[in-house]
Amino acid sequence: MYKLSTSDQIGQLLTARRKALGLTQAEVAARLGISQNRLSEIENQPGVLTVERLLALTGILGLEVGLQEHAQKIPAQGEW
């Protein structure tokens, strides 16, 4: 399991996984139906990534996205 706390870490993970699978940006981009330039932008600036695209991309790379509660106290609505 990978614990990520920044969007940059998501980009690094996606890039590392793609390379570990021996896939080029062009190959993955074609499967996603986007340009290679757009995939490069996603890998380098993942803050522009939509949840829908993230789920599609992780599926292509054999990853899944999950959410887990922090051990920290969740603030009550009035504490936001």
PDB file of N, CA and C in Angstrom:
ATOM      1  N   MET A   1       0.838  -1.166   0.000  1.00  0.00           N
ATOM      2  CA  MET A   1       0.000   0.000   0.000  1.00  0.00           C
ATOM      3  C   MET A   1       0.891   1.241   0.000  1.00  0.00           C
ATOM      4  N   TYR A   2       0.479   2.220  -0.761  1.00  0.00           N
ATOM      5  CA  TYR A   2       1.201   3.483  -0.826  1.00  0.00           C
ATOM      6  C   TYR A   2       0.391   4.527  -0.079  1.00  0.00           C
ATOM      7  N   LYS A   3       1.029   5.247   0.810  1.00  0.00           N
ATOM      8  CA  LYS A   3       0.370   6.346   1.508  1.00  0.00           C
ATOM      9  C   LYS A   3       0.819   7.642   0.854  1.00  0.00           C
ATOM     10  N   LEU A   4      -0.135   8.355   0.318  1.00  0.00           N
ATOM     11  CA  LEU A   4       0.155   9.584  -0.402  1.00  0.00           C
ATOM     12  C   LEU A   4      -0.481  10.755   0.321  1.00  0.00           C
ATOM     13  N   SER A   5       0.252  11.847   0.388  1.00  0.00           N
ATOM     14  CA  SER A   5      -0.300  13.034   1.035  1.00  0.00           C
ATOM     15  C   SER A   5      -0.239  14.274   0.150  1.00  0.00           C
ATOM     16  N   THR A   6       0.399  14.165  -1.008  1.00  0.00           N
ATOM     17  CA  THR A   6       0.454  15.299  -1.933  1.00  0.00           C
ATOM     18  C   THR A   6       0.173  14.823  -3.348  1.00  0.00           C
ATOM     19  N   SER A   7      -0.271  15.735  -4.188  1.00  0.00           N
ATOM     20  CA  SER A   7      -0.527  15.373  -5.581  1.00  0.00           C
ATOM     21  C   SER A   7       0.766  15.014  -6.308  1.00  0.00           C
ATOM     22  N   ASP A   8       1.876  15.624  -5.925  1.00  0.00           N
ATOM     23  CA  ASP A   8       3.159  15.281  -6.554  1.00  0.00           C
ATOM     24  C   ASP A   8       3.499  13.811  -6.346  1.00  0.00           C
ATOM     25  N   GLN A   9       3.175  13.284  -5.170  1.00  0.00           N
ATOM     26  CA  GLN A   9       3.445  11.874  -4.900  1.00  0.00           C
ATOM     27  C   GLN A   9       2.611  10.975  -5.809  1.00  0.00           C
ATOM     28  N   ILE A  10       1.401  11.389  -6.128  1.00  0.00           N
ATOM     29  CA  ILE A  10       0.561  10.613  -7.041  1.00  0.00           C
ATOM     30  C   ILE A  10       1.226  10.543  -8.407  1.00  0.00           C
ATOM     31  N   GLY A  11       1.704  11.671  -8.899  1.00  0.00           N
ATOM     32  CA  GLY A  11       2.383  11.694 -10.195  1.00  0.00           C
ATOM     33  C   GLY A  11       3.612  10.811 -10.215  1.00  0.00           C
ATOM     34  N   GLN A  12       4.394  10.868  -9.144  1.00  0.00           N
ATOM     35  CA  GLN A  12       5.601  10.042  -9.057  1.00  0.00           C
ATOM     36  C   GLN A  12       5.248   8.561  -9.035  1.00  0.00           C
ATOM     37  N   LEU A  13       4.208   8.201  -8.303  1.00  0.00           N
ATOM     38  CA  LEU A  13       3.781   6.805  -8.234  1.00  0.00           C
ATOM     39  C   LEU A  13       3.289   6.314  -9.590  1.00  0.00           C
ATOM     40  N   LEU A  14       2.467   7.108 -10.253  1.00  0.00           N
ATOM     41  CA  LEU A  14       1.945   6.713 -11.559  1.00  0.00           C
ATOM     42  C   LEU A  14       3.070   6.543 -12.574  1.00  0.00           C
ATOM     43  N   THR A  15       4.030   7.451 -12.563  1.00  0.00           N
ATOM     44  CA  THR A  15       5.168   7.362 -13.476  1.00  0.00           C
ATOM     45  C   THR A  15       6.001   6.122 -13.184  1.00  0.00           C
ATOM     46  N   ALA A  16       6.302   5.890 -11.915  1.00  0.00           N
ATOM     47  CA  ALA A  16       7.112   4.728 -11.530  1.00  0.00           C
ATOM     48  C   ALA A  16       6.416   3.426 -11.912  1.00  0.00           C
ATOM     49  N   ARG A  17       5.120   3.354 -11.682  1.00  0.00           N
ATOM     50  CA  ARG A  17       4.373   2.136 -12.010  1.00  0.00           C
ATOM     51  C   ARG A  17       4.347   1.904 -13.515  1.00  0.00           C
ATOM     52  N   ARG A  18       4.103   2.958 -14.286  1.00  0.00           N
ATOM     53  CA  ARG A  18       4.086   2.832 -15.746  1.00  0.00           C
ATOM     54  C   ARG A  18       5.415   2.297 -16.246  1.00  0.00           C
ATOM     55  N   LYS A  19       6.509   2.862 -15.737  1.00  0.00           N
ATOM     56  CA  LYS A  19       7.841   2.428 -16.159  1.00  0.00           C
ATOM     57  C   LYS A  19       8.125   1.000 -15.716  1.00  0.00           C
ATOM     58  N   ALA A  20       7.682   0.626 -14.512  1.00  0.00           N
ATOM     59  CA  ALA A  20       7.892  -0.739 -14.015  1.00  0.00           C
ATOM     60  C   ALA A  20       7.174  -1.759 -14.898  1.00  0.00           C
ATOM     61  N   LEU A  21       6.059  -1.355 -15.484  1.00  0.00           N
ATOM     62  CA  LEU A  21       5.319  -2.235 -16.386  1.00  0.00           C
ATOM     63  C   LEU A  21       5.886  -2.222 -17.801  1.00  0.00           C
ATOM     64  N   GLY A  22       6.887  -1.374 -18.032  1.00  0.00           N
ATOM     65  CA  GLY A  22       7.498  -1.287 -19.355  1.00  0.00           C
ATOM     66  C   GLY A  22       6.619  -0.593 -20.378  1.00  0.00           C
ATOM     67  N   LEU A  23       5.748   0.285 -19.917  1.00  0.00           N
ATOM     68  CA  LEU A  23       4.840   0.999 -20.813  1.00  0.00           C
ATOM     69  C   LEU A  23       5.350   2.413 -21.070  1.00  0.00           C
ATOM     70  N   THR A  24       5.172   2.869 -22.277  1.00  0.00           N
ATOM     71  CA  THR A  24       5.524   4.245 -22.612  1.00  0.00           C
ATOM     72  C   THR A  24       4.334   5.155 -22.321  1.00  0.00           C
ATOM     73  N   GLN A  25       4.619   6.439 -22.254  1.00  0.00           N
ATOM     74  CA  GLN A  25       3.525   7.396 -22.095  1.00  0.00           C
ATOM     75  C   GLN A  25       2.555   7.284 -23.262  1.00  0.00           C
ATOM     76  N   ALA A  26       3.076   7.095 -24.458  1.00  0.00           N
ATOM     77  CA  ALA A  26       2.222   6.999 -25.642  1.00  0.00           C
ATOM     78  C   ALA A  26       1.276   5.803 -25.546  1.00  0.00           C
ATOM     79  N   GLU A  27       1.770   4.668 -25.057  1.00  0.00           N
ATOM     80  CA  GLU A  27       0.933   3.470 -24.936  1.00  0.00           C
ATOM     81  C   GLU A  27      -0.193   3.677 -23.925  1.00  0.00           C
ATOM     82  N   VAL A  28       0.154   4.225 -22.777  1.00  0.00           N
ATOM     83  CA  VAL A  28      -0.856   4.452 -21.739  1.00  0.00           C
ATOM     84  C   VAL A  28      -1.843   5.520 -22.200  1.00  0.00           C
ATOM     85  N   ALA A  29      -1.341   6.571 -22.809  1.00  0.00           N
ATOM     86  CA  ALA A  29      -2.211   7.641 -23.299  1.00  0.00           C
ATOM     87  C   ALA A  29      -3.211   7.105 -24.316  1.00  0.00           C
ATOM     88  N   ALA A  30      -2.758   6.234 -25.203  1.00  0.00           N
ATOM     89  CA  ALA A  30      -3.656   5.654 -26.204  1.00  0.00           C
ATOM     90  C   ALA A  30      -4.771   4.857 -25.531  1.00  0.00           C
ATOM     91  N   ARG A  31      -4.446   4.124 -24.493  1.00  0.00           N
ATOM     92  CA  ARG A  31      -5.464   3.349 -23.764  1.00  0.00           C
ATOM     93  C   ARG A  31      -6.463   4.255 -23.057  1.00  0.00           C
ATOM     94  N   LEU A  32      -5.989   5.423 -22.628  1.00  0.00           N
ATOM     95  CA  LEU A  32      -6.864   6.390 -21.956  1.00  0.00           C
ATOM     96  C   LEU A  32      -7.653   7.242 -22.942  1.00  0.00           C
ATOM     97  N   GLY A  33      -7.213   7.261 -24.190  1.00  0.00           N
ATOM     98  CA  GLY A  33      -7.861   8.096 -25.190  1.00  0.00           C
ATOM     99  C   GLY A  33      -7.458   9.556 -25.101  1.00  0.00           C
ATOM    100  N   ILE A  34      -6.207   9.786 -24.659  1.00  0.00           N
ATOM    101  CA  ILE A  34      -5.680  11.145 -24.563  1.00  0.00           C
ATOM    102  C   ILE A  34      -4.342  11.202 -25.292  1.00  0.00           C
ATOM    103  N   SER A  35      -3.792  12.395 -25.439  1.00  0.00           N
ATOM    104  CA  SER A  35      -2.493  12.538 -26.096  1.00  0.00           C
ATOM    105  C   SER A  35      -1.356  12.206 -25.131  1.00  0.00           C
ATOM    106  N   GLN A  36      -0.207  11.900 -25.693  1.00  0.00           N
ATOM    107  CA  GLN A  36       0.984  11.650 -24.877  1.00  0.00           C
ATOM    108  C   GLN A  36       1.343  12.901 -24.089  1.00  0.00           C
ATOM    109  N   ASN A  37       1.177  14.072 -24.702  1.00  0.00           N
ATOM    110  CA  ASN A  37       1.468  15.329 -24.003  1.00  0.00           C
ATOM    111  C   ASN A  37       0.570  15.513 -22.783  1.00  0.00           C
ATOM    112  N   ARG A  38      -0.689  15.132 -22.909  1.00  0.00           N
ATOM    113  CA  ARG A  38      -1.624  15.254 -21.780  1.00  0.00           C
ATOM    114  C   ARG A  38      -1.224  14.308 -20.652  1.00  0.00           C
ATOM    115  N   LEU A  39      -0.809  13.079 -20.990  1.00  0.00           N
ATOM    116  CA  LEU A  39      -0.367  12.146 -19.954  1.00  0.00           C
ATOM    117  C   LEU A  39       0.884  12.674 -19.267  1.00  0.00           C
ATOM    118  N   SER A  40       1.792  13.261 -20.023  1.00  0.00           N
ATOM    119  CA  SER A  40       2.987  13.859 -19.437  1.00  0.00           C
ATOM    120  C   SER A  40       2.597  14.948 -18.443  1.00  0.00           C
ATOM    121  N   GLU A  41       1.623  15.765 -18.813  1.00  0.00           N
ATOM    122  CA  GLU A  41       1.142  16.821 -17.917  1.00  0.00           C
ATOM    123  C   GLU A  41       0.556  16.217 -16.642  1.00  0.00           C
ATOM    124  N   ILE A  42      -0.211  15.144 -16.783  1.00  0.00           N
ATOM    125  CA  ILE A  42      -0.803  14.478 -15.616  1.00  0.00           C
ATOM    126  C   ILE A  42       0.284  13.940 -14.701  1.00  0.00           C
ATOM    127  N   GLU A  43       1.303  13.304 -15.266  1.00  0.00           N
ATOM    128  CA  GLU A  43       2.375  12.742 -14.450  1.00  0.00           C
ATOM    129  C   GLU A  43       3.192  13.826 -13.748  1.00  0.00           C
ATOM    130  N   ASN A  44       3.366  14.963 -14.408  1.00  0.00           N
ATOM    131  CA  ASN A  44       4.192  16.032 -13.849  1.00  0.00           C
ATOM    132  C   ASN A  44       3.415  17.049 -13.026  1.00  0.00           C
ATOM    133  N   GLN A  45       2.125  17.161 -13.280  1.00  0.00           N
ATOM    134  CA  GLN A  45       1.259  18.089 -12.536  1.00  0.00           C
ATOM    135  C   GLN A  45      -0.058  17.376 -12.232  1.00  0.00           C
ATOM    136  N   PRO A  46      -0.028  16.374 -11.364  1.00  0.00           N
ATOM    137  CA  PRO A  46      -1.230  15.570 -11.138  1.00  0.00           C
ATOM    138  C   PRO A  46      -2.380  16.316 -10.480  1.00  0.00           C
ATOM    139  N   GLY A  47      -2.158  17.539 -10.060  1.00  0.00           N
ATOM    140  CA  GLY A  47      -3.251  18.335  -9.520  1.00  0.00           C
ATOM    141  C   GLY A  47      -4.335  18.603 -10.551  1.00  0.00           C
ATOM    142  N   VAL A  48      -4.010  18.459 -11.835  1.00  0.00           N
ATOM    143  CA  VAL A  48      -4.984  18.675 -12.906  1.00  0.00           C
ATOM    144  C   VAL A  48      -5.785  17.407 -13.215  1.00  0.00           C
ATOM    145  N   LEU A  49      -5.514  16.335 -12.516  1.00  0.00           N
ATOM    146  CA  LEU A  49      -6.125  15.036 -12.758  1.00  0.00           C
ATOM    147  C   LEU A  49      -7.512  14.962 -12.131  1.00  0.00           C
ATOM    148  N   THR A  50      -8.511  14.562 -12.926  1.00  0.00           N
ATOM    149  CA  THR A  50      -9.845  14.359 -12.371  1.00  0.00           C
ATOM    150  C   THR A  50      -9.905  12.991 -11.694  1.00  0.00           C
ATOM    151  N   VAL A  51     -10.852  12.828 -10.808  1.00  0.00           N
ATOM    152  CA  VAL A  51     -11.021  11.536 -10.140  1.00  0.00           C
ATOM    153  C   VAL A  51     -11.339  10.458 -11.173  1.00  0.00           C
ATOM    154  N   GLU A  52     -12.185  10.777 -12.124  1.00  0.00           N
ATOM    155  CA  GLU A  52     -12.537   9.819 -13.177  1.00  0.00           C
ATOM    156  C   GLU A  52     -11.299   9.361 -13.943  1.00  0.00           C
ATOM    157  N   ARG A  53     -10.456  10.300 -14.315  1.00  0.00           N
ATOM    158  CA  ARG A  53      -9.244   9.961 -15.059  1.00  0.00           C
ATOM    159  C   ARG A  53      -8.266   9.199 -14.171  1.00  0.00           C
ATOM    160  N   LEU A  54      -8.175   9.574 -12.893  1.00  0.00           N
ATOM    161  CA  LEU A  54      -7.310   8.859 -11.951  1.00  0.00           C
ATOM    162  C   LEU A  54      -7.723   7.395 -11.854  1.00  0.00           C
ATOM    163  N   LEU A  55      -9.013   7.142 -11.731  1.00  0.00           N
ATOM    164  CA  LEU A  55      -9.491   5.765 -11.627  1.00  0.00           C
ATOM    165  C   LEU A  55      -9.212   4.979 -12.903  1.00  0.00           C
ATOM    166  N   ALA A  56      -9.394   5.605 -14.055  1.00  0.00           N
ATOM    167  CA  ALA A  56      -9.094   4.933 -15.320  1.00  0.00           C
ATOM    168  C   ALA A  56      -7.604   4.631 -15.428  1.00  0.00           C
ATOM    169  N   LEU A  57      -6.783   5.584 -15.075  1.00  0.00           N
ATOM    170  CA  LEU A  57      -5.332   5.423 -15.170  1.00  0.00           C
ATOM    171  C   LEU A  57      -4.825   4.357 -14.213  1.00  0.00           C
ATOM    172  N   THR A  58      -5.304   4.374 -12.980  1.00  0.00           N
ATOM    173  CA  THR A  58      -4.861   3.355 -12.027  1.00  0.00           C
ATOM    174  C   THR A  58      -5.322   1.970 -12.466  1.00  0.00           C
ATOM    175  N   GLY A  59      -6.479   1.880 -13.080  1.00  0.00           N
ATOM    176  CA  GLY A  59      -6.944   0.593 -13.603  1.00  0.00           C
ATOM    177  C   GLY A  59      -6.029   0.059 -14.686  1.00  0.00           C
ATOM    178  N   ILE A  60      -5.599   0.911 -15.588  1.00  0.00           N
ATOM    179  CA  ILE A  60      -4.670   0.518 -16.653  1.00  0.00           C
ATOM    180  C   ILE A  60      -3.348   0.048 -16.068  1.00  0.00           C
ATOM    181  N   LEU A  61      -2.925   0.683 -14.984  1.00  0.00           N
ATOM    182  CA  LEU A  61      -1.636   0.359 -14.367  1.00  0.00           C
ATOM    183  C   LEU A  61      -1.734  -0.748 -13.316  1.00  0.00           C
ATOM    184  N   GLY A  62      -2.911  -1.348 -13.179  1.00  0.00           N
ATOM    185  CA  GLY A  62      -3.074  -2.443 -12.230  1.00  0.00           C
ATOM    186  C   GLY A  62      -3.065  -2.005 -10.780  1.00  0.00           C
ATOM    187  N   LEU A  63      -3.493  -0.779 -10.534  1.00  0.00           N
ATOM    188  CA  LEU A  63      -3.565  -0.233  -9.177  1.00  0.00           C
ATOM    189  C   LEU A  63      -5.023   0.032  -8.831  1.00  0.00           C
ATOM    190  N   GLU A  64      -5.302   0.180  -7.570  1.00  0.00           N
ATOM    191  CA  GLU A  64      -6.631   0.613  -7.156  1.00  0.00           C
ATOM    192  C   GLU A  64      -6.494   1.725  -6.130  1.00  0.00           C
ATOM    193  N   VAL A  65      -7.494   2.563  -6.081  1.00  0.00           N
ATOM    194  CA  VAL A  65      -7.497   3.703  -5.172  1.00  0.00           C
ATOM    195  C   VAL A  65      -8.386   3.363  -3.982  1.00  0.00           C
ATOM    196  N   GLY A  66      -7.907   3.665  -2.792  1.00  0.00           N
ATOM    197  CA  GLY A  66      -8.687   3.439  -1.585  1.00  0.00           C
ATOM    198  C   GLY A  66      -8.555   4.612  -0.644  1.00  0.00           C
ATOM    199  N   LEU A  67      -9.496   4.720   0.247  1.00  0.00           N
ATOM    200  CA  LEU A  67      -9.463   5.764   1.263  1.00  0.00           C
ATOM    201  C   LEU A  67      -9.471   5.093   2.622  1.00  0.00           C
ATOM    202  N   GLN A  68      -8.737   5.670   3.536  1.00  0.00           N
ATOM    203  CA  GLN A  68      -8.641   5.106   4.873  1.00  0.00           C
ATOM    204  C   GLN A  68      -8.711   6.238   5.880  1.00  0.00           C
ATOM    205  N   GLU A  69      -9.375   5.996   6.984  1.00  0.00           N
ATOM    206  CA  GLU A  69      -9.469   7.016   8.024  1.00  0.00           C
ATOM    207  C   GLU A  69      -8.113   7.255   8.656  1.00  0.00           C
ATOM    208  N   HIS A  70      -7.859   8.515   8.986  1.00  0.00           N
ATOM    209  CA  HIS A  70      -6.670   8.865   9.763  1.00  0.00           C
ATOM    210  C   HIS A  70      -6.901   8.446  11.200  1.00  0.00           C
ATOM    211  N   ALA A  71      -5.846   8.215  11.912  1.00  0.00           N
ATOM    212  CA  ALA A  71      -5.952   7.928  13.336  1.00  0.00           C
ATOM    213  C   ALA A  71      -6.293   9.201  14.109  1.00  0.00           C
ATOM    214  N   GLN A  72      -6.089  10.353  13.469  1.00  0.00           N
ATOM    215  CA  GLN A  72      -6.368  11.629  14.125  1.00  0.00           C
ATOM    216  C   GLN A  72      -7.871  11.838  14.264  1.00  0.00           C
ATOM    217  N   LYS A  73      -8.233  12.663  15.232  1.00  0.00           N
ATOM    218  CA  LYS A  73      -9.634  12.997  15.443  1.00  0.00           C
ATOM    219  C   LYS A  73     -10.155  13.803  14.253  1.00  0.00           C
ATOM    220  N   ILE A  74     -11.310  13.420  13.765  1.00  0.00           N
ATOM    221  CA  ILE A  74     -11.956  14.161  12.691  1.00  0.00           C
ATOM    222  C   ILE A  74     -12.684  15.344  13.323  1.00  0.00           C
ATOM    223  N   PRO A  75     -12.443  16.572  12.835  1.00  0.00           N
ATOM    224  CA  PRO A  75     -13.082  17.737  13.450  1.00  0.00           C
ATOM    225  C   PRO A  75     -14.599  17.696  13.277  1.00  0.00           C
ATOM    226  N   ALA A  76     -15.304  18.138  14.298  1.00  0.00           N
ATOM    227  CA  ALA A  76     -16.756  18.256  14.216  1.00  0.00           C
ATOM    228  C   ALA A  76     -17.102  19.363  13.235  1.00  0.00           C
ATOM    229  N   GLN A  77     -18.335  19.362  12.756  1.00  0.00           N
ATOM    230  CA  GLN A  77     -18.731  20.329  11.739  1.00  0.00           C
ATOM    231  C   GLN A  77     -18.464  21.767  12.173  1.00  0.00           C
ATOM    232  N   GLY A  78     -18.683  22.107  13.411  1.00  0.00           N
ATOM    233  CA  GLY A  78     -18.447  23.462  13.890  1.00  0.00           C
ATOM    234  C   GLY A  78     -16.978  23.827  13.991  1.00  0.00           C
ATOM    235  N   GLU A  79     -16.075  22.827  13.932  1.00  0.00           N
ATOM    236  CA  GLU A  79     -14.631  23.070  14.056  1.00  0.00           C
ATOM    237  C   GLU A  79     -13.952  23.297  12.707  1.00  0.00           C
ATOM    238  N   TRP A  80     -14.682  23.179  11.598  1.00  0.00           N
ATOM    239  CA  TRP A  80     -14.090  23.349  10.273  1.00  0.00           C
ATOM    240  C   TRP A  80     -13.624  24.716  10.138  1.00  0.00           C
TER     241      TRP A  80
END
